[in-house]
Amino acid sequence: MTTDPNTRIPVQPSRELGKPAGTIAWSEHLIAWGEYDRKWRCGQSAERVAERGGFGYCELLEFLCAHPETWEPR
């Protein structure tokens, strides 16, 4: 997986919020992953999370404490 800052990372949809699948910027994914890693310490890299389909939209809300700024629908 590339760590190019222009890379878009998948975001899983949220039925609860009515958000379809989308993408976010790699830089914002890294911020969310940092909080994920701090909270869960599961050893899964940011690259691996992206390879497995990215975070769900609701997870991003939890980890970023805000709506993702770079989210775009697919």
C-alpha atoms as a PDB file:
ATOM      1  CA  MET A   1       0.000   0.000   0.000  1.00  0.00           C
ATOM      2  CA  THR A   2       1.230   3.451  -0.842  1.00  0.00           C
ATOM      3  CA  THR A   3       1.507   6.149   1.784  1.00  0.00           C
ATOM      4  CA  ASP A   4       1.161   8.897  -0.826  1.00  0.00           C
ATOM      5  CA  PRO A   5      -0.764  11.751   0.856  1.00  0.00           C
ATOM      6  CA  ASN A   6      -3.077  11.878  -2.178  1.00  0.00           C
ATOM      7  CA  THR A   7      -4.187   8.280  -1.638  1.00  0.00           C
ATOM      8  CA  ARG A   8      -7.871   7.845  -0.825  1.00  0.00           C
ATOM      9  CA  ILE A   9      -8.761   5.219   1.791  1.00  0.00           C
ATOM     10  CA  PRO A  10     -12.119   3.407   1.785  1.00  0.00           C
ATOM     11  CA  VAL A  11     -14.749   4.175   4.399  1.00  0.00           C
ATOM     12  CA  GLN A  12     -17.485   1.675   5.131  1.00  0.00           C
ATOM     13  CA  PRO A  13     -21.071   2.955   5.025  1.00  0.00           C
ATOM     14  CA  SER A  14     -23.260   3.793   8.011  1.00  0.00           C
ATOM     15  CA  ARG A  15     -26.889   2.780   7.808  1.00  0.00           C
ATOM     16  CA  GLU A  16     -27.603   4.560  11.101  1.00  0.00           C
ATOM     17  CA  LEU A  17     -26.444   7.887   9.680  1.00  0.00           C
ATOM     18  CA  GLY A  18     -27.503   7.266   6.099  1.00  0.00           C
ATOM     19  CA  LYS A  19     -23.932   7.621   4.844  1.00  0.00           C
ATOM     20  CA  PRO A  20     -22.970   5.575   1.789  1.00  0.00           C
ATOM     21  CA  ALA A  21     -19.536   4.042   1.328  1.00  0.00           C
ATOM     22  CA  GLY A  22     -16.895   6.652   0.680  1.00  0.00           C
ATOM     23  CA  THR A  23     -13.256   7.538   0.973  1.00  0.00           C
ATOM     24  CA  ILE A  24     -11.051   9.801   3.082  1.00  0.00           C
ATOM     25  CA  ALA A  25      -7.567  11.186   2.615  1.00  0.00           C
ATOM     26  CA  TRP A  26      -4.642   9.087   3.823  1.00  0.00           C
ATOM     27  CA  SER A  27      -3.671  11.894   6.234  1.00  0.00           C
ATOM     28  CA  GLU A  28      -7.065  11.816   7.959  1.00  0.00           C
ATOM     29  CA  HIS A  29      -7.036   8.011   8.010  1.00  0.00           C
ATOM     30  CA  LEU A  30      -3.716   8.196   9.900  1.00  0.00           C
ATOM     31  CA  ILE A  31      -5.216  10.516  12.510  1.00  0.00           C
ATOM     32  CA  ALA A  32      -8.157   8.141  13.042  1.00  0.00           C
ATOM     33  CA  TRP A  33      -5.820   5.146  13.100  1.00  0.00           C
ATOM     34  CA  GLY A  34      -3.685   6.832  15.774  1.00  0.00           C
ATOM     35  CA  GLU A  35      -6.687   7.074  18.076  1.00  0.00           C
ATOM     36  CA  TYR A  36      -7.763   3.534  17.192  1.00  0.00           C
ATOM     37  CA  ASP A  37      -4.303   2.214  18.041  1.00  0.00           C
ATOM     38  CA  ARG A  38      -4.142   4.234  21.265  1.00  0.00           C
ATOM     39  CA  LYS A  39      -7.518   2.877  22.376  1.00  0.00           C
ATOM     40  CA  TRP A  40      -7.288  -0.762  21.280  1.00  0.00           C
ATOM     41  CA  ARG A  41      -3.533  -1.505  20.937  1.00  0.00           C
ATOM     42  CA  CYS A  42      -4.340  -4.402  18.623  1.00  0.00           C
ATOM     43  CA  GLY A  43      -1.190  -4.156  16.520  1.00  0.00           C
ATOM     44  CA  GLN A  44      -3.046  -3.712  13.222  1.00  0.00           C
ATOM     45  CA  SER A  45      -1.232  -1.156  11.056  1.00  0.00           C
ATOM     46  CA  ALA A  46      -2.905   1.769   9.323  1.00  0.00           C
ATOM     47  CA  GLU A  47      -2.111   0.068   6.023  1.00  0.00           C
ATOM     48  CA  ARG A  48      -3.781  -3.165   7.137  1.00  0.00           C
ATOM     49  CA  VAL A  49      -6.936  -1.342   8.245  1.00  0.00           C
ATOM     50  CA  ALA A  50      -7.092   0.293   4.806  1.00  0.00           C
ATOM     51  CA  GLU A  51      -6.526  -3.047   3.036  1.00  0.00           C
ATOM     52  CA  ARG A  52      -9.391  -4.583   5.001  1.00  0.00           C
ATOM     53  CA  GLY A  53     -11.842  -1.905   3.828  1.00  0.00           C
ATOM     54  CA  GLY A  54     -11.072   1.022   6.117  1.00  0.00           C
ATOM     55  CA  PHE A  55     -12.994   2.249   9.121  1.00  0.00           C
ATOM     56  CA  GLY A  56     -16.738   2.577   9.210  1.00  0.00           C
ATOM     57  CA  TYR A  57     -18.144   6.096   9.177  1.00  0.00           C
ATOM     58  CA  CYS A  58     -19.290   5.751  12.807  1.00  0.00           C
ATOM     59  CA  GLU A  59     -15.815   4.580  13.828  1.00  0.00           C
ATOM     60  CA  LEU A  60     -14.361   7.698  12.232  1.00  0.00           C
ATOM     61  CA  LEU A  61     -16.742   9.837  14.273  1.00  0.00           C
ATOM     62  CA  GLU A  62     -15.512   8.081  17.409  1.00  0.00           C
ATOM     63  CA  PHE A  63     -11.807   8.282  16.601  1.00  0.00           C
ATOM     64  CA  LEU A  64     -11.816  11.812  15.142  1.00  0.00           C
ATOM     65  CA  CYS A  65     -14.427  13.233  17.564  1.00  0.00           C
ATOM     66  CA  ALA A  66     -15.936  14.973  14.531  1.00  0.00           C
ATOM     67  CA  HIS A  67     -17.178  14.244  11.027  1.00  0.00           C
ATOM     68  CA  PRO A  68     -14.249  13.447   8.727  1.00  0.00           C
ATOM     69  CA  GLU A  69     -13.275  16.580   6.810  1.00  0.00           C
ATOM     70  CA  THR A  70     -12.034  14.775   3.703  1.00  0.00           C
ATOM     71  CA  TRP A  71     -14.871  12.234   3.354  1.00  0.00           C
ATOM     72  CA  GLU A  72     -16.308  11.891  -0.158  1.00  0.00           C
ATOM     73  CA  PRO A  73     -18.948   9.414  -1.333  1.00  0.00           C
ATOM     74  CA  ARG A  74     -17.760   6.717  -3.698  1.00  0.00           C
END
